[in-house]
C-alpha atoms as a PDB file:
ATOM      1  CA  MET A   1     -56.620   6.172  10.119  1.00  0.00           C
ATOM      2  CA  ALA A   2     -56.214   4.181  13.254  1.00  0.00           C
ATOM      3  CA  GLN A   3     -52.647   3.595  12.857  1.00  0.00           C
ATOM      4  CA  ILE A   4     -50.237   6.563  11.747  1.00  0.00           C
ATOM      5  CA  GLU A   5     -46.832   5.975  10.225  1.00  0.00           C
ATOM      6  CA  LEU A   6     -44.795   8.948   9.539  1.00  0.00           C
ATOM      7  CA  LEU A   7     -42.994   8.517   6.211  1.00  0.00           C
ATOM      8  CA  TYR A   8     -39.938  11.030   5.778  1.00  0.00           C
ATOM      9  CA  GLY A   9     -37.968  12.179   2.827  1.00  0.00           C
ATOM     10  CA  ARG A  10     -38.915  13.514  -0.321  1.00  0.00           C
ATOM     11  CA  HIS A  11     -38.743  10.587  -2.548  1.00  0.00           C
ATOM     12  CA  ALA A  12     -40.387   8.168  -0.247  1.00  0.00           C
ATOM     13  CA  VAL A  13     -43.316  10.682   0.300  1.00  0.00           C
ATOM     14  CA  LEU A  14     -43.701  11.317  -3.270  1.00  0.00           C
ATOM     15  CA  GLU A  15     -43.876   7.764  -4.498  1.00  0.00           C
ATOM     16  CA  ALA A  16     -46.333   6.796  -1.346  1.00  0.00           C
ATOM     17  CA  LEU A  17     -48.598   9.532  -3.070  1.00  0.00           C
ATOM     18  CA  ARG A  18     -48.018   8.033  -6.861  1.00  0.00           C
ATOM     19  CA  ALA A  19     -48.741   4.254  -5.766  1.00  0.00           C
ATOM     20  CA  GLY A  20     -51.798   4.930  -3.819  1.00  0.00           C
ATOM     21  CA  ARG A  21     -51.399   1.760  -1.756  1.00  0.00           C
ATOM     22  CA  ARG A  22     -52.125   3.155   1.381  1.00  0.00           C
ATOM     23  CA  PRO A  23     -54.026   6.432   2.726  1.00  0.00           C
ATOM     24  CA  ILE A  24     -52.103   9.320   3.050  1.00  0.00           C
ATOM     25  CA  ARG A  25     -53.890  11.737   6.108  1.00  0.00           C
ATOM     26  CA  ARG A  26     -51.918  14.873   5.181  1.00  0.00           C
ATOM     27  CA  VAL A  27     -48.183  16.173   3.759  1.00  0.00           C
ATOM     28  CA  LEU A  28     -46.030  18.726   6.059  1.00  0.00           C
ATOM     29  CA  LEU A  29     -43.404  20.404   4.615  1.00  0.00           C
ATOM     30  CA  GLY A  30     -40.792  22.332   6.582  1.00  0.00           C
ATOM     31  CA  GLN A  31     -40.718  25.742   6.978  1.00  0.00           C
ATOM     32  CA  GLY A  32     -38.115  27.273   4.425  1.00  0.00           C
ATOM     33  CA  VAL A  33     -38.502  24.260   1.838  1.00  0.00           C
ATOM     34  CA  ARG A  34     -38.136  25.654  -1.525  1.00  0.00           C
ATOM     35  CA  GLN A  35     -41.571  24.478  -2.823  1.00  0.00           C
ATOM     36  CA  GLN A  36     -40.455  25.717  -6.420  1.00  0.00           C
ATOM     37  CA  ALA A  37     -37.666  22.970  -6.403  1.00  0.00           C
ATOM     38  CA  ASP A  38     -38.858  20.273  -8.978  1.00  0.00           C
ATOM     39  CA  ILE A  39     -39.367  17.554  -6.631  1.00  0.00           C
ATOM     40  CA  ILE A  40     -41.176  19.278  -3.840  1.00  0.00           C
ATOM     41  CA  ALA A  41     -43.703  20.648  -6.846  1.00  0.00           C
ATOM     42  CA  GLU A  42     -44.067  17.093  -7.862  1.00  0.00           C
ATOM     43  CA  ILE A  43     -44.913  16.192  -4.201  1.00  0.00           C
ATOM     44  CA  VAL A  44     -47.770  18.794  -4.102  1.00  0.00           C
ATOM     45  CA  ALA A  45     -49.201  18.207  -7.228  1.00  0.00           C
ATOM     46  CA  ALA A  46     -49.494  14.511  -6.293  1.00  0.00           C
ATOM     47  CA  ALA A  47     -50.865  15.285  -3.105  1.00  0.00           C
ATOM     48  CA  ARG A  48     -53.313  17.480  -4.522  1.00  0.00           C
ATOM     49  CA  GLU A  49     -54.354  15.040  -7.215  1.00  0.00           C
ATOM     50  CA  ARG A  50     -55.401  12.599  -4.479  1.00  0.00           C
ATOM     51  CA  GLY A  51     -57.078  15.182  -2.429  1.00  0.00           C
ATOM     52  CA  CYS A  52     -54.533  15.467   0.492  1.00  0.00           C
ATOM     53  CA  PRO A  53     -53.948  18.430   2.278  1.00  0.00           C
ATOM     54  CA  VAL A  54     -50.403  19.941   2.449  1.00  0.00           C
ATOM     55  CA  SER A  55     -49.196  22.481   4.889  1.00  0.00           C
ATOM     56  CA  GLU A  56     -46.372  24.100   6.412  1.00  0.00           C
ATOM     57  CA  ALA A  57     -44.809  23.150   9.526  1.00  0.00           C
ATOM     58  CA  PRO A  58     -42.284  24.358  11.937  1.00  0.00           C
ATOM     59  CA  ARG A  59     -39.145  22.258  12.209  1.00  0.00           C
ATOM     60  CA  GLN A  60     -40.342  21.107  15.423  1.00  0.00           C
ATOM     61  CA  ALA A  61     -43.082  19.338  14.220  1.00  0.00           C
ATOM     62  CA  PHE A  62     -40.239  17.226  12.461  1.00  0.00           C
ATOM     63  CA  ASP A  63     -38.833  15.818  15.580  1.00  0.00           C
ATOM     64  CA  LEU A  64     -41.663  13.468  15.811  1.00  0.00           C
ATOM     65  CA  ALA A  65     -39.865  11.417  13.123  1.00  0.00           C
ATOM     66  CA  GLY A  66     -36.728  10.834  15.073  1.00  0.00           C
ATOM     67  CA  ASP A  67     -33.221  11.631  14.220  1.00  0.00           C
ATOM     68  CA  VAL A  68     -33.785  11.129  10.596  1.00  0.00           C
ATOM     69  CA  ASN A  69     -32.659  12.531   7.466  1.00  0.00           C
ATOM     70  CA  HIS A  70     -36.539  13.961   6.477  1.00  0.00           C
ATOM     71  CA  GLN A  71     -35.513  16.677   3.806  1.00  0.00           C
ATOM     72  CA  GLY A  72     -38.155  18.730   5.013  1.00  0.00           C
ATOM     73  CA  VAL A  73     -40.927  16.504   4.294  1.00  0.00           C
ATOM     74  CA  LEU A  74     -43.340  14.394   6.334  1.00  0.00           C
ATOM     75  CA  ALA A  75     -46.523  12.571   5.515  1.00  0.00           C
ATOM     76  CA  GLU A  76     -48.803  11.013   8.011  1.00  0.00           C
ATOM     77  CA  ALA A  77     -49.532   7.646   6.240  1.00  0.00           C
ATOM     78  CA  GLY A  78     -51.373   4.449   7.089  1.00  0.00           C
ATOM     79  CA  PRO A  79     -49.860   1.436   7.840  1.00  0.00           C
ATOM     80  CA  TYR A  80     -47.906  -0.374   4.584  1.00  0.00           C
ATOM     81  CA  ARG A  81     -50.350  -3.230   2.702  1.00  0.00           C
ATOM     82  CA  CYS A  82     -48.536  -6.577   2.263  1.00  0.00           C
ATOM     83  CA  VAL A  83     -49.901  -9.033   0.018  1.00  0.00           C
ATOM     84  CA  ASP A  84     -50.631 -12.854   0.270  1.00  0.00           C
ATOM     85  CA  LEU A  85     -48.292 -15.497  -1.109  1.00  0.00           C
ATOM     86  CA  ASP A  86     -51.204 -16.156  -3.481  1.00  0.00           C
ATOM     87  CA  GLU A  87     -51.114 -12.830  -4.744  1.00  0.00           C
ATOM     88  CA  VAL A  88     -47.480 -13.224  -5.647  1.00  0.00           C
ATOM     89  CA  LEU A  89     -48.190 -16.494  -7.519  1.00  0.00           C
ATOM     90  CA  THR A  90     -50.963 -15.011  -9.482  1.00  0.00           C
ATOM     91  CA  ALA A  91     -49.283 -11.824 -10.720  1.00  0.00           C
ATOM     92  CA  PRO A  92     -49.297 -10.971 -14.530  1.00  0.00           C
ATOM     93  CA  GLY A  93     -46.548 -12.382 -15.918  1.00  0.00           C
ATOM     94  CA  GLU A  94     -44.064 -14.893 -15.538  1.00  0.00           C
ATOM     95  CA  PRO A  95     -42.881 -15.149 -12.132  1.00  0.00           C
ATOM     96  CA  PHE A  96     -39.519 -13.306 -11.176  1.00  0.00           C
ATOM     97  CA  CYS A  97     -39.556 -12.800  -7.416  1.00  0.00           C
ATOM     98  CA  LEU A  98     -36.961 -12.213  -4.892  1.00  0.00           C
ATOM     99  CA  ALA A  99     -36.939 -13.809  -1.354  1.00  0.00           C
ATOM    100  CA  LEU A 100     -34.918 -12.805   1.396  1.00  0.00           C
ATOM    101  CA  ASP A 101     -33.602 -15.205   4.074  1.00  0.00           C
ATOM    102  CA  HIS A 102     -34.072 -13.019   7.268  1.00  0.00           C
ATOM    103  CA  LEU A 103     -31.839 -10.176   6.167  1.00  0.00           C
ATOM    104  CA  GLN A 104     -31.816  -7.401   9.129  1.00  0.00           C
ATOM    105  CA  ASP A 105     -29.835  -4.229   7.625  1.00  0.00           C
ATOM    106  CA  VAL A 106     -32.087  -1.705   6.827  1.00  0.00           C
ATOM    107  CA  GLN A 107     -30.255  -0.147   4.375  1.00  0.00           C
ATOM    108  CA  ASN A 108     -29.662  -3.368   2.504  1.00  0.00           C
ATOM    109  CA  LEU A 109     -33.045  -4.303   2.513  1.00  0.00           C
ATOM    110  CA  GLY A 110     -34.246  -0.994   1.021  1.00  0.00           C
ATOM    111  CA  THR A 111     -31.208  -1.066  -1.443  1.00  0.00           C
ATOM    112  CA  LEU A 112     -32.435  -4.675  -2.730  1.00  0.00           C
ATOM    113  CA  LEU A 113     -36.018  -3.671  -2.575  1.00  0.00           C
ATOM    114  CA  ARG A 114     -35.158  -0.518  -4.792  1.00  0.00           C
ATOM    115  CA  THR A 115     -33.422  -2.566  -7.329  1.00  0.00           C
ATOM    116  CA  ALA A 116     -36.218  -5.288  -7.259  1.00  0.00           C
ATOM    117  CA  GLU A 117     -38.430  -2.408  -8.477  1.00  0.00           C
ATOM    118  CA  ALA A 118     -36.366  -0.988 -11.053  1.00  0.00           C
ATOM    119  CA  MET A 119     -35.967  -4.593 -12.616  1.00  0.00           C
ATOM    120  CA  ALA A 120     -39.869  -5.120 -12.463  1.00  0.00           C
ATOM    121  CA  VAL A 121     -39.891  -8.311 -10.208  1.00  0.00           C
ATOM    122  CA  THR A 122     -43.200  -9.437  -9.709  1.00  0.00           C
ATOM    123  CA  GLY A 123     -42.859 -10.292  -6.181  1.00  0.00           C
ATOM    124  CA  ILE A 124     -41.041 -10.109  -2.839  1.00  0.00           C
ATOM    125  CA  ILE A 125     -41.236 -12.697  -0.150  1.00  0.00           C
ATOM    126  CA  LEU A 126     -39.978 -11.539   3.417  1.00  0.00           C
ATOM    127  CA  PRO A 127     -40.247 -13.574   6.755  1.00  0.00           C
ATOM    128  CA  ASP A 128     -42.533 -12.181   9.238  1.00  0.00           C
ATOM    129  CA  ARG A 129     -39.909 -12.507  12.138  1.00  0.00           C
ATOM    130  CA  ARG A 130     -36.218 -12.363  12.769  1.00  0.00           C
ATOM    131  CA  ALA A 131     -35.757  -9.946   9.830  1.00  0.00           C
ATOM    132  CA  ALA A 132     -36.432  -6.245   8.836  1.00  0.00           C
ATOM    133  CA  GLY A 133     -39.903  -5.184   8.184  1.00  0.00           C
ATOM    134  CA  ILE A 134     -41.257  -2.753   6.149  1.00  0.00           C
ATOM    135  CA  THR A 135     -40.678   0.530   8.330  1.00  0.00           C
ATOM    136  CA  PRO A 136     -40.617   3.967   7.787  1.00  0.00           C
ATOM    137  CA  ALA A 137     -36.884   3.565   7.354  1.00  0.00           C
ATOM    138  CA  VAL A 138     -37.245   0.762   4.844  1.00  0.00           C
ATOM    139  CA  VAL A 139     -39.216   2.948   2.811  1.00  0.00           C
ATOM    140  CA  ASN A 140     -36.744   6.096   2.897  1.00  0.00           C
ATOM    141  CA  ALA A 141     -33.837   3.549   2.335  1.00  0.00           C
ATOM    142  CA  SER A 142     -35.652   2.246  -0.812  1.00  0.00           C
ATOM    143  CA  SER A 143     -36.612   5.690  -2.089  1.00  0.00           C
ATOM    144  CA  GLY A 144     -40.175   4.772  -2.063  1.00  0.00           C
ATOM    145  CA  ALA A 145     -39.556   1.800  -4.320  1.00  0.00           C
ATOM    146  CA  VAL A 146     -41.466  -0.358  -1.722  1.00  0.00           C
ATOM    147  CA  GLU A 147     -44.658   1.315  -2.720  1.00  0.00           C
ATOM    148  CA  HIS A 148     -44.808  -0.155  -6.052  1.00  0.00           C
ATOM    149  CA  LEU A 149     -43.781  -3.910  -5.101  1.00  0.00           C
ATOM    150  CA  ASN A 150     -45.905  -6.783  -3.814  1.00  0.00           C
ATOM    151  CA  ILE A 151     -44.432  -8.073  -0.813  1.00  0.00           C
ATOM    152  CA  ALA A 152     -45.608 -10.704   0.932  1.00  0.00           C
ATOM    153  CA  LEU A 153     -44.994 -11.736   4.425  1.00  0.00           C
ATOM    154  CA  VAL A 154     -44.589 -15.414   5.449  1.00  0.00           C
ATOM    155  CA  THR A 155     -44.496 -17.278   8.433  1.00  0.00           C
ATOM    156  CA  ASN A 156     -41.828 -19.931   7.249  1.00  0.00           C
ATOM    157  CA  LEU A 157     -39.852 -18.939   4.443  1.00  0.00           C
ATOM    158  CA  VAL A 158     -38.822 -22.786   3.414  1.00  0.00           C
ATOM    159  CA  GLN A 159     -42.577 -23.813   2.972  1.00  0.00           C
ATOM    160  CA  ALA A 160     -43.296 -20.794   0.962  1.00  0.00           C
ATOM    161  CA  LEU A 161     -40.301 -21.656  -1.446  1.00  0.00           C
ATOM    162  CA  VAL A 162     -41.464 -25.286  -1.506  1.00  0.00           C
ATOM    163  CA  ARG A 163     -44.980 -24.062  -2.339  1.00  0.00           C
ATOM    164  CA  LEU A 164     -43.553 -21.952  -5.072  1.00  0.00           C
ATOM    165  CA  LYS A 165     -41.401 -25.175  -6.558  1.00  0.00           C
ATOM    166  CA  LYS A 166     -44.494 -26.791  -6.775  1.00  0.00           C
ATOM    167  CA  SER A 167     -45.958 -24.245  -9.029  1.00  0.00           C
ATOM    168  CA  GLY A 168     -43.335 -24.604 -11.455  1.00  0.00           C
ATOM    169  CA  VAL A 169     -41.179 -21.944 -10.131  1.00  0.00           C
ATOM    170  CA  TRP A 170     -36.955 -22.484 -10.300  1.00  0.00           C
ATOM    171  CA  ILE A 171     -35.829 -21.411  -6.488  1.00  0.00           C
ATOM    172  CA  VAL A 172     -32.130 -20.417  -7.270  1.00  0.00           C
ATOM    173  CA  GLY A 173     -29.876 -18.974  -3.938  1.00  0.00           C
ATOM    174  CA  LEU A 174     -26.883 -16.554  -4.072  1.00  0.00           C
ATOM    175  CA  ASP A 175     -24.132 -18.535  -2.131  1.00  0.00           C
ATOM    176  CA  ALA A 176     -20.382 -19.223  -2.878  1.00  0.00           C
ATOM    177  CA  ALA A 177     -20.447 -22.739  -2.488  1.00  0.00           C
ATOM    178  CA  PRO A 178     -18.047 -24.968  -4.447  1.00  0.00           C
ATOM    179  CA  SER A 179     -21.046 -26.393  -6.030  1.00  0.00           C
ATOM    180  CA  ALA A 180     -22.528 -23.085  -7.062  1.00  0.00           C
ATOM    181  CA  VAL A 181     -22.892 -21.849 -10.734  1.00  0.00           C
ATOM    182  CA  PRO A 182     -20.701 -19.137 -11.623  1.00  0.00           C
ATOM    183  CA  LEU A 183     -23.427 -16.062 -12.681  1.00  0.00           C
ATOM    184  CA  PRO A 184     -21.525 -15.735 -16.241  1.00  0.00           C
ATOM    185  CA  ARG A 185     -22.863 -19.437 -16.905  1.00  0.00           C
ATOM    186  CA  ALA A 186     -26.132 -19.320 -15.342  1.00  0.00           C
ATOM    187  CA  ASP A 187     -29.317 -19.749 -17.058  1.00  0.00           C
ATOM    188  CA  LEU A 188     -31.655 -17.186 -15.050  1.00  0.00           C
ATOM    189  CA  SER A 189     -34.250 -17.194 -17.473  1.00  0.00           C
ATOM    190  CA  GLY A 190     -37.891 -18.718 -16.871  1.00  0.00           C
ATOM    191  CA  PRO A 191     -40.008 -18.605 -13.844  1.00  0.00           C
ATOM    192  CA  LEU A 192     -37.563 -17.814 -10.939  1.00  0.00           C
ATOM    193  CA  VAL A 193     -37.472 -16.819  -7.334  1.00  0.00           C
ATOM    194  CA  LEU A 194     -33.816 -15.423  -6.184  1.00  0.00           C
ATOM    195  CA  VAL A 195     -33.009 -16.110  -2.817  1.00  0.00           C
ATOM    196  CA  VAL A 196     -30.304 -13.817  -0.945  1.00  0.00           C
ATOM    197  CA  GLY A 197     -29.244 -14.533   2.647  1.00  0.00           C
ATOM    198  CA  ALA A 198     -28.678 -12.453   5.567  1.00  0.00           C
ATOM    199  CA  GLU A 199     -25.562 -10.429   6.292  1.00  0.00           C
ATOM    200  CA  GLY A 200     -22.827 -12.523   7.222  1.00  0.00           C
ATOM    201  CA  ALA A 201     -24.535 -15.926   7.578  1.00  0.00           C
ATOM    202  CA  GLY A 202     -25.739 -16.189   4.410  1.00  0.00           C
ATOM    203  CA  LEU A 203     -28.384 -18.590   3.328  1.00  0.00           C
ATOM    204  CA  SER A 204     -29.774 -21.045   6.396  1.00  0.00           C
ATOM    205  CA  ARG A 205     -29.383 -24.591   5.794  1.00  0.00           C
ATOM    206  CA  LEU A 206     -32.961 -25.482   5.312  1.00  0.00           C
ATOM    207  CA  THR A 207     -33.139 -22.432   2.728  1.00  0.00           C
ATOM    208  CA  ARG A 208     -29.925 -23.913   1.069  1.00  0.00           C
ATOM    209  CA  GLU A 209     -31.326 -27.299   0.785  1.00  0.00           C
ATOM    210  CA  THR A 210     -34.918 -26.239  -0.404  1.00  0.00           C
ATOM    211  CA  CYS A 211     -32.782 -24.421  -3.541  1.00  0.00           C
ATOM    212  CA  ASP A 212     -32.682 -25.943  -6.769  1.00  0.00           C
ATOM    213  CA  TRP A 213     -29.630 -24.659  -7.432  1.00  0.00           C
ATOM    214  CA  LEU A 214     -27.037 -22.035  -6.098  1.00  0.00           C
ATOM    215  CA  LEU A 215     -25.525 -19.140  -8.015  1.00  0.00           C
ATOM    216  CA  ALA A 216     -22.082 -17.632  -7.319  1.00  0.00           C
ATOM    217  CA  ILE A 217     -20.862 -14.309  -8.439  1.00  0.00           C
ATOM    218  CA  PRO A 218     -16.775 -14.682  -9.301  1.00  0.00           C
ATOM    219  CA  MET A 219     -14.643 -12.134  -7.585  1.00  0.00           C
ATOM    220  CA  CYS A 220     -12.036 -10.559 -10.246  1.00  0.00           C
ATOM    221  CA  GLY A 221     -10.391  -8.327  -7.378  1.00  0.00           C
ATOM    222  CA  GLU A 222      -8.812  -8.911  -4.167  1.00  0.00           C
ATOM    223  CA  ILE A 223     -11.583  -8.993  -1.760  1.00  0.00           C
ATOM    224  CA  ALA A 224     -13.512 -12.110  -1.682  1.00  0.00           C
ATOM    225  CA  SER A 225     -17.171 -11.298  -1.270  1.00  0.00           C
ATOM    226  CA  LEU A 226     -19.866  -8.855  -1.692  1.00  0.00           C
ATOM    227  CA  ASN A 227     -22.538  -7.392   0.956  1.00  0.00           C
ATOM    228  CA  ALA A 228     -25.964  -8.857   0.183  1.00  0.00           C
ATOM    229  CA  ALA A 229     -27.382  -5.496  -1.153  1.00  0.00           C
ATOM    230  CA  VAL A 230     -24.642  -5.102  -3.694  1.00  0.00           C
ATOM    231  CA  ALA A 231     -24.652  -9.154  -4.618  1.00  0.00           C
ATOM    232  CA  GLY A 232     -28.438  -9.233  -4.860  1.00  0.00           C
ATOM    233  CA  SER A 233     -28.755  -6.452  -6.988  1.00  0.00           C
ATOM    234  CA  ILE A 234     -25.867  -7.774  -9.303  1.00  0.00           C
ATOM    235  CA  ALA A 235     -28.036 -11.103  -9.642  1.00  0.00           C
ATOM    236  CA  LEU A 236     -31.431  -9.035 -10.238  1.00  0.00           C
ATOM    237  CA  PHE A 237     -29.757  -7.594 -13.116  1.00  0.00           C
ATOM    238  CA  ALA A 238     -28.661 -10.285 -14.818  1.00  0.00           C
ATOM    239  CA  ALA A 239     -31.793 -12.284 -14.384  1.00  0.00           C
ATOM    240  CA  ARG A 240     -33.585  -9.220 -15.907  1.00  0.00           C
ATOM    241  CA  GLN A 241     -30.946  -9.393 -18.985  1.00  0.00           C
ATOM    242  CA  ALA A 242     -31.986 -13.035 -19.182  1.00  0.00           C
ATOM    243  CA  ARG A 243     -35.582 -12.538 -19.428  1.00  0.00           C
ATOM    244  CA  GLY A 244     -35.166  -9.237 -21.829  1.00  0.00           C
ATOM    245  CA  TRP A 245     -35.858  -5.534 -21.315  1.00  0.00           C
ATOM    246  CA  PRO A 246     -39.033  -3.911 -21.932  1.00  0.00           C
ATOM    247  CA  PRO A 247     -39.637  -1.229 -24.317  1.00  0.00           C
ATOM    248  CA  VAL A 248     -37.588   1.826 -23.519  1.00  0.00           C
ATOM    249  CA  ASP A 249     -39.994   5.000 -23.379  1.00  0.00           C
ATOM    250  CA  ARG A 250     -37.756   7.059 -20.749  1.00  0.00           C
ATOM    251  CA  PRO A 251     -34.302   8.605 -20.499  1.00  0.00           C
ATOM    252  CA  LEU A 252     -31.825   5.843 -19.504  1.00  0.00           C
ATOM    253  CA  GLY A 253     -29.149   6.617 -16.678  1.00  0.00           C
ATOM    254  CA  PHE A 254     -29.176   6.724 -13.019  1.00  0.00           C
ATOM    255  CA  GLY A 255     -32.151   8.807 -13.057  1.00  0.00           C
ATOM    256  CA  ARG A 256     -33.030  10.984  -9.689  1.00  0.00           C
ATOM    257  CA  ALA A 257     -30.822  10.178  -6.810  1.00  0.00           C
ATOM    258  CA  GLY A 258     -32.559   8.885  -4.039  1.00  0.00           C
ATOM    259  CA  HIS A 259     -30.235  10.851  -1.376  1.00  0.00           C
END
């Protein structure tokens, strides 16, 4: 592997092993980590299945990851592989995508990507400049969900959205403008790209003008707005509800906590 990334955190490493989208050279477990713990056992089993060595390392070895909550687990991995926009357009099933208009906060990005994976989006569109990329910090913040997503990096987000529109996909921007359709009245079924703007600034002017229509989340309490990750997650949930749920074949609930 010419380029190495240090993935950290138990869920991030486990999902990278499960997804198999990039090579993993080895997994390091901190001395004293309880290998009989359920998730550690899953990591070891997933690594063995992929033929990836697992070794115990002193705590000093984990300093290479920086001042992060590594939870005693590191993986030496190849770079994250993004897809072309064409792959997003031709993904199986009806298009249900998330586009992020220069979102910069790593935690917000990770949260939205985790929600997107849970809601079975078919693709993610991210600008390749002036925005948070798919770094080990984002992998960790998403609890490894990014490893299962089709993420396209585009040079010009507006041009990408126009191309999606021409293919018959509705572009819906999350925005609190007076003209926005309140979420309870919105029809989020059909081919859809939900666009979420940057923290504070929201959607850029050109992105807003490119949208077919805008969507707003009514506020019932005293606060005037939600942050990008929370608002986007609510809208993704509503869009999934509008297009139906897949058959449930696993327990419902919060599942394992990511942190």
